[in-house]
N, C-alpha and C. Protein backbone atom coordinates (compact mmCIF):
# COMPACT_ATOMS: atom_id res chain seq x y z
N UNK A 1 26.12 -14.93 -125.85
CA UNK A 1 26.75 -13.95 -125.28
C UNK A 1 27.18 -14.69 -123.68
N UNK A 2 28.21 -14.15 -123.27
CA UNK A 2 28.74 -14.45 -121.82
C UNK A 2 29.67 -13.35 -121.24
N UNK A 3 29.91 -13.80 -119.86
CA UNK A 3 30.49 -12.80 -118.98
C UNK A 3 31.72 -13.50 -118.36
N UNK A 4 32.67 -12.81 -118.57
CA UNK A 4 34.01 -13.09 -118.28
C UNK A 4 34.24 -12.39 -116.56
N UNK A 5 34.43 -13.29 -115.71
CA UNK A 5 34.79 -12.67 -114.37
C UNK A 5 35.99 -13.16 -113.92
N UNK A 6 37.07 -12.68 -113.77
CA UNK A 6 38.40 -12.96 -113.66
C UNK A 6 38.44 -12.78 -111.88
N UNK A 7 38.35 -14.17 -111.32
CA UNK A 7 38.21 -14.43 -110.07
C UNK A 7 39.21 -15.51 -109.72
N UNK A 8 40.14 -15.41 -108.51
CA UNK A 8 41.08 -16.34 -107.89
C UNK A 8 40.33 -17.54 -107.61
N UNK A 9 40.64 -18.98 -107.51
CA UNK A 9 40.02 -19.78 -107.20
C UNK A 9 40.41 -20.09 -105.56
N UNK A 10 41.41 -19.50 -105.22
CA UNK A 10 41.44 -19.49 -103.68
C UNK A 10 41.84 -18.14 -103.37
N UNK A 11 41.52 -17.39 -102.22
CA UNK A 11 42.03 -16.20 -102.05
C UNK A 11 43.71 -16.31 -101.55
N UNK A 12 44.29 -15.15 -102.02
CA UNK A 12 45.94 -15.03 -102.14
C UNK A 12 46.08 -13.66 -100.70
N UNK A 13 46.74 -14.03 -99.94
CA UNK A 13 47.16 -13.00 -98.99
C UNK A 13 48.57 -13.15 -98.92
N UNK A 14 49.52 -11.94 -99.20
CA UNK A 14 50.71 -12.00 -99.08
C UNK A 14 51.28 -11.23 -97.91
N UNK A 15 51.98 -11.88 -97.08
CA UNK A 15 52.37 -11.32 -95.99
C UNK A 15 53.68 -10.61 -95.83
N UNK A 16 54.56 -11.14 -96.45
CA UNK A 16 56.06 -10.51 -96.81
C UNK A 16 56.31 -10.59 -98.02
N UNK A 17 55.86 -9.50 -98.71
CA UNK A 17 56.35 -9.37 -100.08
C UNK A 17 58.00 -9.49 -100.61
N UNK A 18 58.20 -10.26 -101.72
CA UNK A 18 59.77 -10.59 -101.87
C UNK A 18 59.85 -10.26 -103.33
N UNK A 19 60.32 -8.76 -103.41
CA UNK A 19 60.52 -8.54 -105.19
C UNK A 19 61.83 -9.23 -105.38
N UNK A 20 62.73 -10.00 -105.16
CA UNK A 20 63.86 -10.59 -105.94
C UNK A 20 63.14 -12.12 -106.01
N UNK A 21 62.48 -12.69 -105.47
CA UNK A 21 61.35 -13.62 -105.86
C UNK A 21 60.67 -13.70 -106.92
N UNK A 22 59.85 -12.34 -106.82
CA UNK A 22 59.02 -12.20 -107.63
C UNK A 22 59.43 -11.94 -109.15
N UNK A 23 60.64 -11.23 -109.22
CA UNK A 23 61.62 -11.06 -110.62
C UNK A 23 62.22 -12.45 -111.31
N UNK A 24 62.38 -13.39 -110.34
CA UNK A 24 62.81 -14.73 -110.76
C UNK A 24 61.38 -15.48 -111.19
N UNK A 25 60.56 -15.50 -110.75
CA UNK A 25 59.18 -16.13 -110.99
C UNK A 25 59.02 -15.54 -112.38
N UNK A 26 58.92 -14.42 -112.39
CA UNK A 26 58.29 -13.49 -113.91
C UNK A 26 59.39 -13.90 -114.95
N UNK A 27 60.58 -14.15 -114.79
CA UNK A 27 61.75 -14.38 -115.76
C UNK A 27 61.58 -16.11 -116.25
N UNK A 28 60.80 -16.56 -115.41
CA UNK A 28 60.66 -18.00 -115.85
C UNK A 28 59.43 -18.20 -116.78
N UNK A 29 58.44 -17.19 -116.54
CA UNK A 29 57.29 -17.19 -117.57
C UNK A 29 58.23 -16.42 -119.09
N UNK A 30 58.53 -15.41 -118.83
CA UNK A 30 58.61 -14.47 -119.94
C UNK A 30 60.31 -14.31 -120.29
N UNK A 31 61.32 -14.74 -119.75
CA UNK A 31 62.46 -14.63 -120.05
C UNK A 31 62.96 -15.88 -121.17
N UNK A 32 63.97 -15.78 -121.58
CA UNK A 32 64.63 -16.45 -122.89
C UNK A 32 64.45 -17.86 -122.33
N UNK A 33 64.87 -18.41 -121.16
CA UNK A 33 64.53 -19.94 -120.92
C UNK A 33 63.18 -20.06 -120.32
N UNK A 34 62.19 -19.27 -120.27
CA UNK A 34 60.72 -19.25 -119.70
C UNK A 34 59.88 -20.41 -120.26
N UNK A 35 58.96 -20.50 -119.85
CA UNK A 35 57.80 -21.47 -120.41
C UNK A 35 57.51 -20.59 -121.74
N UNK A 36 57.32 -19.35 -121.84
CA UNK A 36 56.59 -18.69 -123.03
C UNK A 36 57.51 -19.20 -124.54
N UNK A 37 58.88 -18.83 -123.86
CA UNK A 37 59.93 -19.06 -125.02
C UNK A 37 59.88 -20.55 -125.54
N UNK A 38 60.20 -21.50 -124.48
CA UNK A 38 60.06 -22.83 -124.74
C UNK A 38 58.66 -23.00 -125.45
N UNK A 39 57.58 -22.61 -125.30
CA UNK A 39 56.17 -23.17 -126.15
C UNK A 39 56.50 -22.45 -127.58
N UNK A 40 57.03 -21.31 -127.38
CA UNK A 40 57.03 -20.83 -129.04
C UNK A 40 58.23 -21.57 -130.03
N UNK A 41 59.11 -22.18 -129.29
CA UNK A 41 60.07 -22.99 -129.77
C UNK A 41 59.64 -24.11 -130.27
N UNK A 42 58.79 -24.89 -129.37
CA UNK A 42 58.10 -26.23 -129.99
C UNK A 42 57.14 -25.76 -130.86
N UNK A 43 56.17 -24.99 -130.93
CA UNK A 43 55.40 -24.53 -131.83
C UNK A 43 55.76 -24.23 -133.18
N UNK A 44 56.90 -23.42 -133.24
CA UNK A 44 57.56 -23.15 -134.62
C UNK A 44 58.24 -24.26 -135.31
N UNK A 45 58.93 -25.24 -134.25
CA UNK A 45 59.77 -26.21 -134.68
C UNK A 45 58.62 -27.62 -135.53
N UNK A 46 57.68 -27.39 -134.78
CA UNK A 46 56.63 -28.20 -135.67
C UNK A 46 56.16 -28.31 -137.11
N UNK A 47 56.76 -26.91 -137.56
CA UNK A 47 56.23 -26.60 -139.04
C UNK A 47 57.51 -27.26 -139.98
N UNK A 48 58.57 -27.29 -139.40
CA UNK A 48 59.70 -27.88 -140.26
C UNK A 48 59.68 -29.52 -140.02
N UNK A 49 58.64 -30.16 -139.22
CA UNK A 49 58.86 -31.48 -139.13
C UNK A 49 58.07 -32.51 -140.18
N UNK A 50 58.77 -33.06 -140.83
CA UNK A 50 58.17 -34.03 -141.82
C UNK A 50 57.33 -35.16 -141.44
N UNK A 51 57.46 -35.50 -139.97
CA UNK A 51 56.55 -36.88 -139.63
C UNK A 51 55.31 -36.22 -139.02
N UNK A 52 53.97 -36.75 -139.33
CA UNK A 52 52.71 -36.29 -138.93
C UNK A 52 52.97 -36.40 -137.42
N UNK A 53 53.39 -37.72 -136.80
CA UNK A 53 53.25 -38.08 -135.44
C UNK A 53 54.12 -36.99 -134.77
N UNK A 54 55.31 -36.91 -135.20
CA UNK A 54 55.98 -35.58 -134.33
C UNK A 54 55.52 -34.41 -134.67
N UNK A 55 54.92 -34.04 -135.40
CA UNK A 55 54.05 -32.76 -135.50
C UNK A 55 52.97 -32.91 -134.41
N UNK A 56 52.30 -33.69 -134.21
CA UNK A 56 51.23 -33.76 -133.13
C UNK A 56 52.07 -33.78 -131.69
N UNK A 57 53.18 -34.57 -131.50
CA UNK A 57 53.65 -34.16 -130.13
C UNK A 57 54.31 -32.95 -130.12
N UNK A 58 54.86 -32.55 -130.83
CA UNK A 58 55.54 -31.03 -130.68
C UNK A 58 54.30 -29.70 -130.44
N UNK A 59 53.14 -30.11 -131.20
CA UNK A 59 51.90 -29.21 -130.58
C UNK A 59 51.45 -29.53 -129.28
N UNK A 60 51.05 -30.72 -128.86
CA UNK A 60 50.54 -31.21 -127.78
C UNK A 60 51.83 -30.56 -126.76
N UNK A 61 53.49 -30.61 -126.86
CA UNK A 61 54.24 -30.05 -125.82
C UNK A 61 54.15 -28.64 -125.75
N UNK A 62 54.12 -28.08 -126.88
CA UNK A 62 53.82 -26.78 -127.09
C UNK A 62 52.74 -25.89 -126.66
N UNK A 63 51.50 -26.52 -126.94
CA UNK A 63 50.42 -26.25 -126.03
C UNK A 63 50.24 -26.18 -124.53
N UNK A 64 50.70 -27.51 -123.76
CA UNK A 64 51.02 -27.61 -122.38
C UNK A 64 52.01 -26.73 -121.69
N UNK A 65 53.15 -26.28 -122.41
CA UNK A 65 53.90 -25.31 -122.16
C UNK A 65 53.50 -24.11 -121.71
N UNK A 66 52.47 -23.77 -123.15
CA UNK A 66 52.03 -22.42 -122.63
C UNK A 66 50.80 -22.23 -121.68
N UNK A 67 50.35 -23.26 -121.06
CA UNK A 67 49.31 -23.27 -119.90
C UNK A 67 49.94 -22.81 -118.75
């Protein structure tokens, strides 16, 4: 049994919200050129890779991109 407590490591205080910057940051994570899209491309390419060493490399890169 465990308890999941979602807590930030450091407190965040936003003095001046910037919606344009927030939209840009969100697009980098979830947009077509974002990190999640890149991660999915690396992980899907690993299944077509014939070399075991390259499969491992694509897996490592894909998991790091997802973080």
